């Protein structure tokens, strides 16, 4: 993630906003570590936590849903895990999971969901 912050700083960004779900790995310890790794950068990093149990607000959940539909929906339960790994890897490498416009549309939807709950 520190490399991502460096990349955005090189692109001229002054602020990076990071949205985290409530995974145990996103506790204060991880945020502190990230801030230590990026302390020498001239970019402000702001962390936001999504509401608990809010998959509709998490962009990654939309990608996971698509993977389930394209790969896992009619999968045979006897298929080896390695084969599923290969299928997901191929999907991610050879196809766009979502186009830029689809991501913008999803983010607009998330923004509307958040605004409707304020």
N, C-alpha and C. Protein backbone atom coordinates (compact mmCIF):
# COMPACT_ATOMS: atom_id res chain seq x y z
N UNK A 1 0.82 -1.19 0.00
CA UNK A 1 0.00 0.00 0.00
C UNK A 1 0.87 1.26 0.00
N UNK A 2 2.06 1.15 0.60
CA UNK A 2 2.98 2.28 0.59
C UNK A 2 3.40 2.59 -0.84
N UNK A 3 3.58 1.53 -1.66
CA UNK A 3 3.92 1.74 -3.07
C UNK A 3 2.80 2.46 -3.80
N UNK A 4 1.57 2.15 -3.44
CA UNK A 4 0.42 2.82 -4.05
C UNK A 4 0.42 4.30 -3.69
N UNK A 5 0.72 4.62 -2.44
CA UNK A 5 0.79 6.02 -2.02
C UNK A 5 1.90 6.76 -2.77
N UNK A 6 3.05 6.10 -2.94
CA UNK A 6 4.15 6.70 -3.70
C UNK A 6 3.73 6.97 -5.14
N UNK A 7 3.05 5.99 -5.74
CA UNK A 7 2.58 6.13 -7.12
C UNK A 7 1.67 7.36 -7.26
N UNK A 8 0.71 7.50 -6.35
CA UNK A 8 -0.21 8.63 -6.44
C UNK A 8 0.49 9.96 -6.16
N UNK A 9 1.46 9.95 -5.28
CA UNK A 9 2.23 11.17 -5.04
C UNK A 9 2.98 11.58 -6.31
N UNK A 10 3.58 10.61 -6.99
CA UNK A 10 4.29 10.89 -8.24
C UNK A 10 3.35 11.42 -9.32
N UNK A 11 2.07 11.03 -9.24
CA UNK A 11 1.07 11.50 -10.19
C UNK A 11 0.56 12.90 -9.84
N UNK A 12 1.02 13.44 -8.70
CA UNK A 12 0.64 14.80 -8.31
C UNK A 12 -0.48 14.89 -7.29
N UNK A 13 -0.94 13.75 -6.80
CA UNK A 13 -2.00 13.76 -5.79
C UNK A 13 -1.43 14.21 -4.45
N UNK A 14 -2.23 14.97 -3.70
CA UNK A 14 -1.81 15.44 -2.39
C UNK A 14 -2.51 14.70 -1.26
N UNK A 15 -3.58 13.98 -1.60
CA UNK A 15 -4.34 13.28 -0.56
C UNK A 15 -4.81 11.93 -1.11
N UNK A 16 -4.73 10.94 -0.25
CA UNK A 16 -5.18 9.59 -0.57
C UNK A 16 -6.19 9.18 0.48
N UNK A 17 -7.40 8.83 0.06
CA UNK A 17 -8.43 8.40 1.00
C UNK A 17 -8.61 6.89 0.83
N UNK A 18 -8.45 6.18 1.94
CA UNK A 18 -8.49 4.73 1.95
C UNK A 18 -9.74 4.28 2.71
N UNK A 19 -10.55 3.44 2.06
CA UNK A 19 -11.77 2.94 2.68
C UNK A 19 -11.54 1.49 3.09
N UNK A 20 -11.78 1.20 4.35
CA UNK A 20 -11.54 -0.12 4.91
C UNK A 20 -12.83 -0.73 5.42
N UNK A 21 -12.95 -2.04 5.25
CA UNK A 21 -14.08 -2.72 5.87
C UNK A 21 -13.68 -3.07 7.30
N UNK A 22 -14.44 -3.87 7.96
CA UNK A 22 -14.17 -4.16 9.37
C UNK A 22 -13.38 -5.45 9.56
N UNK A 23 -12.56 -5.78 8.60
CA UNK A 23 -11.70 -6.94 8.74
C UNK A 23 -10.73 -6.72 9.91
N UNK A 24 -10.46 -7.76 10.68
CA UNK A 24 -9.53 -7.61 11.81
C UNK A 24 -8.14 -7.11 11.40
N UNK A 25 -7.76 -7.33 10.13
CA UNK A 25 -6.45 -6.86 9.68
C UNK A 25 -6.41 -5.35 9.48
N UNK A 26 -7.55 -4.70 9.53
CA UNK A 26 -7.61 -3.25 9.32
C UNK A 26 -7.67 -2.48 10.63
N UNK A 27 -7.17 -3.08 11.66
CA UNK A 27 -7.18 -2.43 12.97
C UNK A 27 -6.16 -1.30 12.99
N UNK A 28 -6.10 -0.60 14.09
CA UNK A 28 -5.22 0.55 14.26
C UNK A 28 -3.76 0.19 14.00
N UNK A 29 -3.35 -1.02 14.36
CA UNK A 29 -1.96 -1.44 14.18
C UNK A 29 -1.55 -1.37 12.71
N UNK A 30 -2.43 -1.83 11.81
CA UNK A 30 -2.15 -1.80 10.39
C UNK A 30 -2.08 -0.37 9.89
N UNK A 31 -3.00 0.48 10.34
CA UNK A 31 -2.98 1.87 9.92
C UNK A 31 -1.71 2.56 10.40
N UNK A 32 -1.29 2.26 11.63
CA UNK A 32 -0.05 2.85 12.14
C UNK A 32 1.15 2.41 11.31
N UNK A 33 1.20 1.14 10.96
CA UNK A 33 2.29 0.62 10.14
C UNK A 33 2.33 1.31 8.78
N UNK A 34 1.16 1.47 8.17
CA UNK A 34 1.08 2.15 6.88
C UNK A 34 1.57 3.59 7.00
N UNK A 35 1.15 4.27 8.05
CA UNK A 35 1.56 5.66 8.24
C UNK A 35 3.07 5.76 8.48
N UNK A 36 3.66 4.79 9.17
CA UNK A 36 5.12 4.78 9.36
C UNK A 36 5.83 4.60 8.02
N UNK A 37 5.31 3.69 7.19
CA UNK A 37 5.94 3.40 5.90
C UNK A 37 5.83 4.57 4.92
N UNK A 38 4.84 5.43 5.13
CA UNK A 38 4.62 6.55 4.20
C UNK A 38 4.96 7.90 4.83
N UNK A 39 5.61 7.88 5.99
CA UNK A 39 5.91 9.13 6.71
C UNK A 39 6.78 10.08 5.89
N UNK A 40 7.67 9.53 5.05
CA UNK A 40 8.56 10.37 4.26
C UNK A 40 7.89 10.94 3.01
N UNK A 41 6.66 10.52 2.73
CA UNK A 41 5.94 11.03 1.56
C UNK A 41 5.22 12.32 1.88
N UNK A 42 5.02 13.11 0.86
CA UNK A 42 4.30 14.36 1.01
C UNK A 42 2.87 14.18 0.50
N UNK A 43 2.17 13.21 1.09
CA UNK A 43 0.79 12.93 0.72
C UNK A 43 0.00 12.64 1.99
N UNK A 44 -1.15 13.24 2.09
CA UNK A 44 -2.00 13.04 3.26
C UNK A 44 -2.83 11.77 3.04
N UNK A 45 -2.81 10.88 4.02
CA UNK A 45 -3.56 9.63 3.93
C UNK A 45 -4.67 9.67 4.98
N UNK A 46 -5.90 9.51 4.51
CA UNK A 46 -7.07 9.55 5.39
C UNK A 46 -7.76 8.19 5.31
N UNK A 47 -8.00 7.60 6.46
CA UNK A 47 -8.66 6.29 6.52
C UNK A 47 -10.13 6.47 6.88
N UNK A 48 -10.98 5.71 6.20
CA UNK A 48 -12.42 5.68 6.49
C UNK A 48 -12.80 4.22 6.70
N UNK A 49 -13.68 3.97 7.65
CA UNK A 49 -14.20 2.61 7.85
C UNK A 49 -15.63 2.54 7.35
N UNK A 50 -15.89 1.50 6.58
CA UNK A 50 -17.25 1.27 6.13
C UNK A 50 -18.09 0.80 7.32
N UNK A 51 -19.38 0.98 7.21
CA UNK A 51 -20.27 0.50 8.26
C UNK A 51 -20.18 -1.02 8.36
N UNK A 52 -20.32 -1.58 9.55
CA UNK A 52 -20.26 -3.05 9.68
C UNK A 52 -21.34 -3.72 8.82
N UNK A 53 -20.99 -4.88 8.28
CA UNK A 53 -21.91 -5.68 7.48
C UNK A 53 -22.54 -4.87 6.35
N UNK A 54 -21.69 -4.23 5.55
CA UNK A 54 -22.19 -3.38 4.47
C UNK A 54 -21.54 -3.75 3.13
N UNK A 55 -21.79 -4.95 2.62
CA UNK A 55 -21.14 -5.35 1.36
C UNK A 55 -21.52 -4.47 0.18
N UNK A 56 -22.70 -3.83 0.22
CA UNK A 56 -23.09 -2.96 -0.88
C UNK A 56 -22.23 -1.70 -0.96
N UNK A 57 -21.52 -1.39 0.11
CA UNK A 57 -20.65 -0.21 0.13
C UNK A 57 -19.20 -0.55 -0.17
N UNK A 58 -18.91 -1.82 -0.41
CA UNK A 58 -17.54 -2.27 -0.60
C UNK A 58 -17.34 -2.66 -2.07
N UNK A 59 -16.53 -1.88 -2.79
CA UNK A 59 -16.31 -2.10 -4.22
C UNK A 59 -15.79 -3.51 -4.51
N UNK A 60 -14.98 -4.05 -3.63
CA UNK A 60 -14.41 -5.39 -3.83
C UNK A 60 -15.52 -6.44 -3.88
N UNK A 61 -16.58 -6.24 -3.12
CA UNK A 61 -17.68 -7.21 -3.11
C UNK A 61 -18.33 -7.34 -4.48
N UNK A 62 -18.33 -6.27 -5.27
CA UNK A 62 -18.90 -6.34 -6.61
C UNK A 62 -18.04 -7.22 -7.52
N UNK A 63 -16.71 -7.16 -7.35
CA UNK A 63 -15.81 -8.02 -8.12
C UNK A 63 -15.97 -9.48 -7.68
N UNK A 64 -16.08 -9.69 -6.38
CA UNK A 64 -16.27 -11.05 -5.86
C UNK A 64 -17.57 -11.65 -6.40
N UNK A 65 -18.62 -10.84 -6.45
CA UNK A 65 -19.90 -11.30 -6.98
C UNK A 65 -19.76 -11.74 -8.44
N UNK A 66 -19.03 -10.95 -9.23
CA UNK A 66 -18.83 -11.29 -10.63
C UNK A 66 -18.04 -12.60 -10.78
N UNK A 67 -17.02 -12.79 -9.95
CA UNK A 67 -16.24 -14.03 -9.98
C UNK A 67 -17.13 -15.22 -9.63
N UNK A 68 -17.99 -15.03 -8.65
CA UNK A 68 -18.92 -16.12 -8.30
C UNK A 68 -19.83 -16.47 -9.47
N UNK A 69 -20.34 -15.42 -10.14
CA UNK A 69 -21.24 -15.67 -11.27
C UNK A 69 -20.52 -16.35 -12.43
N UNK A 70 -19.33 -15.88 -12.77
CA UNK A 70 -18.63 -16.39 -13.96
C UNK A 70 -17.94 -17.73 -13.73
N UNK A 71 -17.51 -18.00 -12.51
CA UNK A 71 -16.69 -19.19 -12.28
C UNK A 71 -17.33 -20.19 -11.33
N UNK A 72 -17.87 -19.73 -10.26
CA UNK A 72 -18.30 -20.64 -9.20
C UNK A 72 -19.76 -21.07 -9.27
N UNK A 73 -20.58 -20.34 -10.02
CA UNK A 73 -22.03 -20.56 -10.00
C UNK A 73 -22.42 -22.01 -10.30
N UNK A 74 -21.89 -22.57 -11.36
CA UNK A 74 -22.25 -23.94 -11.74
C UNK A 74 -21.05 -24.88 -11.60
N UNK A 75 -20.15 -24.54 -10.72
CA UNK A 75 -18.93 -25.35 -10.56
C UNK A 75 -19.24 -26.68 -9.88
N UNK A 76 -18.51 -27.67 -10.30
CA UNK A 76 -18.60 -29.00 -9.70
C UNK A 76 -17.83 -28.97 -8.37
N UNK A 77 -18.44 -29.48 -7.33
CA UNK A 77 -17.80 -29.45 -6.01
C UNK A 77 -16.55 -30.32 -5.94
N UNK A 78 -16.35 -31.16 -6.93
CA UNK A 78 -15.17 -32.02 -6.96
C UNK A 78 -13.98 -31.35 -7.66
N UNK A 79 -14.18 -30.17 -8.19
CA UNK A 79 -13.10 -29.46 -8.88
C UNK A 79 -12.00 -29.11 -7.89
N UNK A 80 -10.76 -29.43 -8.23
CA UNK A 80 -9.64 -29.10 -7.32
C UNK A 80 -9.50 -27.58 -7.12
N UNK A 81 -9.09 -27.20 -5.94
CA UNK A 81 -8.92 -25.79 -5.61
C UNK A 81 -7.93 -25.11 -6.57
N UNK A 82 -6.89 -25.80 -6.95
CA UNK A 82 -5.89 -25.24 -7.87
C UNK A 82 -6.53 -24.83 -9.19
N UNK A 83 -7.49 -25.61 -9.66
CA UNK A 83 -8.19 -25.27 -10.90
C UNK A 83 -9.00 -23.99 -10.74
N UNK A 84 -9.66 -23.85 -9.58
CA UNK A 84 -10.38 -22.60 -9.31
C UNK A 84 -9.41 -21.42 -9.27
N UNK A 85 -8.25 -21.62 -8.64
CA UNK A 85 -7.23 -20.58 -8.61
C UNK A 85 -6.86 -20.14 -10.02
N UNK A 86 -6.65 -21.11 -10.89
CA UNK A 86 -6.28 -20.81 -12.28
C UNK A 86 -7.40 -20.07 -13.01
N UNK A 87 -8.63 -20.49 -12.79
CA UNK A 87 -9.77 -19.83 -13.44
C UNK A 87 -9.89 -18.37 -13.00
N UNK A 88 -9.77 -18.13 -11.70
CA UNK A 88 -9.86 -16.76 -11.19
C UNK A 88 -8.68 -15.94 -11.68
N UNK A 89 -7.49 -16.52 -11.66
CA UNK A 89 -6.30 -15.82 -12.15
C UNK A 89 -6.45 -15.45 -13.62
N UNK A 90 -6.92 -16.39 -14.43
CA UNK A 90 -7.13 -16.11 -15.86
C UNK A 90 -8.18 -15.03 -16.07
N UNK A 91 -9.25 -15.07 -15.31
CA UNK A 91 -10.29 -14.05 -15.42
C UNK A 91 -9.72 -12.67 -15.12
N UNK A 92 -8.91 -12.59 -14.07
CA UNK A 92 -8.35 -11.29 -13.66
C UNK A 92 -7.28 -10.80 -14.64
N UNK A 93 -6.51 -11.71 -15.21
CA UNK A 93 -5.42 -11.32 -16.10
C UNK A 93 -5.86 -11.08 -17.53
N UNK A 94 -6.79 -11.87 -18.01
CA UNK A 94 -7.15 -11.82 -19.43
C UNK A 94 -8.39 -11.00 -19.74
N UNK A 95 -9.15 -10.69 -18.73
CA UNK A 95 -10.35 -9.89 -18.93
C UNK A 95 -10.38 -8.80 -17.87
N UNK A 96 -11.04 -7.74 -18.18
CA UNK A 96 -11.26 -6.74 -17.15
C UNK A 96 -12.43 -7.23 -16.32
N UNK A 97 -12.26 -7.23 -15.02
CA UNK A 97 -13.37 -7.64 -14.15
C UNK A 97 -14.47 -6.59 -14.30
N UNK A 98 -14.10 -5.35 -14.32
CA UNK A 98 -15.04 -4.24 -14.55
C UNK A 98 -14.32 -3.19 -15.37
N UNK A 99 -15.05 -2.55 -16.26
CA UNK A 99 -14.49 -1.45 -17.04
C UNK A 99 -14.42 -0.21 -16.15
N UNK A 100 -13.68 0.77 -16.60
CA UNK A 100 -13.57 2.02 -15.85
C UNK A 100 -14.96 2.63 -15.63
N UNK A 101 -15.79 2.62 -16.66
CA UNK A 101 -17.14 3.19 -16.54
C UNK A 101 -18.00 2.40 -15.57
N UNK A 102 -17.87 1.08 -15.58
CA UNK A 102 -18.63 0.27 -14.62
C UNK A 102 -18.21 0.59 -13.19
N UNK A 103 -16.92 0.78 -12.97
CA UNK A 103 -16.44 1.13 -11.63
C UNK A 103 -16.98 2.49 -11.22
N UNK A 104 -16.97 3.45 -12.14
CA UNK A 104 -17.52 4.77 -11.84
C UNK A 104 -19.00 4.64 -11.48
N UNK A 105 -19.74 3.84 -12.24
CA UNK A 105 -21.17 3.63 -11.96
C UNK A 105 -21.39 3.01 -10.59
N UNK A 106 -20.57 2.02 -10.25
CA UNK A 106 -20.69 1.38 -8.93
C UNK A 106 -20.39 2.38 -7.82
N UNK A 107 -19.35 3.18 -8.01
CA UNK A 107 -19.02 4.18 -7.00
C UNK A 107 -20.13 5.21 -6.85
N UNK A 108 -20.76 5.59 -7.97
CA UNK A 108 -21.92 6.49 -7.90
C UNK A 108 -23.05 5.84 -7.10
N UNK A 109 -23.26 4.56 -7.34
CA UNK A 109 -24.31 3.83 -6.59
C UNK A 109 -23.99 3.80 -5.10
N UNK A 110 -22.74 3.52 -4.77
CA UNK A 110 -22.33 3.50 -3.37
C UNK A 110 -22.54 4.86 -2.74
N UNK A 111 -22.17 5.92 -3.47
CA UNK A 111 -22.36 7.28 -2.94
C UNK A 111 -23.84 7.55 -2.66
N UNK A 112 -24.71 7.13 -3.57
CA UNK A 112 -26.15 7.33 -3.36
C UNK A 112 -26.66 6.53 -2.15
N UNK A 113 -26.14 5.31 -1.98
CA UNK A 113 -26.52 4.51 -0.81
C UNK A 113 -26.11 5.20 0.47
N UNK A 114 -24.91 5.76 0.48
CA UNK A 114 -24.43 6.45 1.69
C UNK A 114 -25.26 7.69 1.95
N UNK A 115 -25.53 8.48 0.90
CA UNK A 115 -26.32 9.70 1.08
C UNK A 115 -27.74 9.40 1.55
N UNK A 116 -28.31 8.29 1.08
CA UNK A 116 -29.69 7.96 1.47
C UNK A 116 -29.78 7.52 2.94
N UNK A 117 -28.64 7.13 3.52
CA UNK A 117 -28.64 6.70 4.93
C UNK A 117 -28.18 7.78 5.88
N UNK A 118 -27.91 8.97 5.36
CA UNK A 118 -27.45 10.06 6.23
C UNK A 118 -28.63 10.77 6.86
